[in-house]
Protein backbone atom coordinates (compact mmCIF):
# COMPACT_ATOMS: atom_id res chain seq x y z
CA UNK A 1 -27.20 -14.66 -57.15
CA UNK A 2 -24.90 -17.18 -55.61
CA UNK A 3 -21.77 -15.96 -57.34
CA UNK A 4 -22.35 -12.48 -55.97
CA UNK A 5 -22.54 -13.78 -52.35
CA UNK A 6 -19.43 -15.83 -52.94
CA UNK A 7 -17.51 -12.83 -54.32
CA UNK A 8 -18.66 -10.63 -51.45
CA UNK A 9 -17.52 -13.31 -48.92
CA UNK A 10 -14.18 -13.67 -50.68
CA UNK A 11 -13.56 -9.94 -50.76
CA UNK A 12 -14.33 -9.65 -47.00
CA UNK A 13 -11.93 -12.55 -46.19
CA UNK A 14 -9.25 -11.02 -48.28
CA UNK A 15 -9.61 -7.57 -46.52
CA UNK A 16 -9.43 -9.14 -43.10
CA UNK A 17 -6.35 -11.09 -44.00
CA UNK A 18 -4.63 -8.03 -45.43
CA UNK A 19 -5.34 -6.03 -42.23
CA UNK A 20 -3.77 -8.61 -39.92
CA UNK A 21 -0.21 -7.78 -39.01
CA UNK A 22 2.36 -9.83 -40.83
CA UNK A 23 4.31 -10.56 -37.57
CA UNK A 24 1.33 -11.37 -35.35
CA UNK A 25 2.69 -12.83 -32.16
CA UNK A 26 1.32 -16.02 -30.75
CA UNK A 27 -0.35 -16.00 -27.40
CA UNK A 28 2.17 -16.40 -24.57
CA UNK A 29 5.15 -15.34 -26.76
CA UNK A 30 7.89 -13.47 -24.96
CA UNK A 31 7.67 -9.68 -25.65
CA UNK A 32 11.02 -8.78 -24.23
CA UNK A 33 14.20 -10.42 -23.07
CA UNK A 34 14.84 -11.34 -19.45
CA UNK A 35 17.83 -9.06 -19.47
CA UNK A 36 15.65 -6.09 -20.53
CA UNK A 37 13.10 -6.86 -17.76
CA UNK A 38 15.86 -7.01 -15.10
CA UNK A 39 17.34 -3.74 -16.38
CA UNK A 40 13.99 -2.07 -15.68
CA UNK A 41 13.84 -3.23 -12.11
CA UNK A 42 14.85 -1.06 -9.20
CA UNK A 43 18.50 -1.85 -8.27
CA UNK A 44 18.10 -0.44 -4.66
CA UNK A 45 17.76 -2.78 -1.81
CA UNK A 46 14.41 -3.20 0.06
CA UNK A 47 16.15 -1.83 3.20
CA UNK A 48 17.19 1.32 1.37
CA UNK A 49 13.71 1.77 -0.03
CA UNK A 50 12.14 1.37 3.51
CA UNK A 51 14.63 3.94 4.91
CA UNK A 52 13.59 6.39 2.23
CA UNK A 53 9.85 5.81 2.90
CA UNK A 54 10.40 6.15 6.71
CA UNK A 55 12.35 9.42 6.15
CA UNK A 56 9.56 10.80 4.02
CA UNK A 57 6.86 9.66 6.54
CA UNK A 58 8.74 11.32 9.40
CA UNK A 59 7.93 14.74 7.91
CA UNK A 60 4.29 14.10 9.02
CA UNK A 61 2.68 13.63 12.48
CA UNK A 62 3.10 10.18 13.99
CA UNK A 63 -0.24 8.32 13.78
CA UNK A 64 -1.35 10.03 10.59
CA UNK A 65 -2.19 8.50 7.22
CA UNK A 66 1.22 9.80 5.95
CA UNK A 67 3.06 8.48 8.97
CA UNK A 68 1.20 5.56 10.61
CA UNK A 69 2.46 3.97 13.76
CA UNK A 70 4.48 0.93 12.62
CA UNK A 71 3.92 -2.20 14.66
CA UNK A 72 4.20 -5.98 14.36
CA UNK A 73 0.65 -7.41 13.85
CA UNK A 74 -2.47 -6.97 15.96
CA UNK A 75 -0.45 -7.89 19.04
CA UNK A 76 1.83 -4.96 18.29
CA UNK A 77 -1.21 -2.66 18.10
CA UNK A 78 -2.46 -3.81 21.45
CA UNK A 79 0.96 -3.59 23.10
CA UNK A 80 1.50 -0.02 21.85
CA UNK A 81 -2.00 1.10 22.88
CA UNK A 82 -1.43 -0.38 26.36
CA UNK A 83 1.74 1.70 26.77
CA UNK A 84 0.08 4.93 25.40
CA UNK A 85 -0.92 7.71 27.88
CA UNK A 86 -2.80 10.92 27.53
CA UNK A 87 -0.98 14.19 28.25
CA UNK A 88 -2.21 14.00 31.93
CA UNK A 89 -0.70 10.45 32.32
CA UNK A 90 -4.07 8.73 32.24
CA UNK A 91 -4.73 5.80 29.86
CA UNK A 92 -6.90 6.87 26.91
CA UNK A 93 -10.33 5.44 26.25
CA UNK A 94 -9.88 3.30 23.16
CA UNK A 95 -12.70 2.88 20.65
CA UNK A 96 -13.29 0.04 18.16
CA UNK A 97 -10.75 -0.62 15.46
CA UNK A 98 -11.81 0.35 11.93
CA UNK A 99 -10.19 0.49 8.45
CA UNK A 100 -7.97 3.59 8.05
CA UNK A 101 -7.22 3.58 4.32
CA UNK A 102 -3.91 2.93 2.58
CA UNK A 103 -0.86 4.37 4.32
CA UNK A 104 2.54 5.72 3.34
CA UNK A 105 4.02 2.18 3.13
CA UNK A 106 1.26 0.80 0.84
CA UNK A 107 -0.56 -1.20 3.43
CA UNK A 108 -4.22 -1.11 4.69
CA UNK A 109 -4.16 0.70 8.04
CA UNK A 110 -6.08 0.11 11.19
CA UNK A 111 -7.61 3.13 12.92
CA UNK A 112 -8.40 3.56 16.62
CA UNK A 113 -10.39 6.50 18.04
CA UNK A 114 -9.00 7.69 21.39
CA UNK A 115 -10.48 9.92 24.05
CA UNK A 116 -8.50 11.76 26.70
CA UNK A 117 -10.71 13.77 29.13
CA UNK A 118 -12.12 16.35 26.82
CA UNK A 119 -10.01 15.70 23.73
CA UNK A 120 -10.07 13.08 21.07
CA UNK A 121 -7.70 11.76 18.44
CA UNK A 122 -7.64 9.09 15.74
CA UNK A 123 -4.43 7.07 15.48
CA UNK A 124 -3.47 4.97 12.38
CA UNK A 125 -1.48 1.83 12.61
CA UNK A 126 0.40 -0.20 10.03
CA UNK A 127 0.66 -3.76 11.34
CA UNK A 128 3.07 -5.11 8.71
CA UNK A 129 6.30 -4.12 10.40
CA UNK A 130 7.27 -7.20 12.48
CA UNK A 131 10.85 -6.10 12.99
CA UNK A 132 9.96 -2.59 14.25
CA UNK A 133 9.07 -1.50 17.80
CA UNK A 134 7.84 2.12 17.92
CA UNK A 135 9.37 4.07 20.81
CA UNK A 136 7.86 7.46 19.98
CA UNK A 137 4.43 8.82 20.98
CA UNK A 138 2.10 11.00 18.88
CA UNK A 139 1.88 14.69 19.78
CA UNK A 140 -0.17 15.11 22.96
CA UNK A 141 0.59 11.57 24.19
CA UNK A 142 3.37 9.86 26.11
CA UNK A 143 4.49 6.30 25.90
CA UNK A 144 5.42 4.07 28.83
CA UNK A 145 8.63 2.07 28.55
């Protein structure tokens, strides 16, 4: 009975060895050259990419998911909201900040509910644009200088 078990074990081991690829790569081995990886990268500059994203976003209403208001950090949000005015010139009532989803620039957005005497809106902000100062107002609002 022992020779039968030994033969069965030997046959299984041989089958497994035969099914392993002859050129099995070792863990951590390079799968492509550095030159090939660089060739796959986007050759455009980050500035060109951002200009293209902004141009695409501008086709949508300012303050929307597709075109969030770009500001520099939480301070930029607060500064923008302080300058924002309703259509009648009054300052809007600003609700609590909440998560607004992922915006057109790939960032998590902040959302603010706003109330202007009888109408309401929800504006979305992308706080990861330190160099940008937004000078436009969403439809139905104005922006102080």
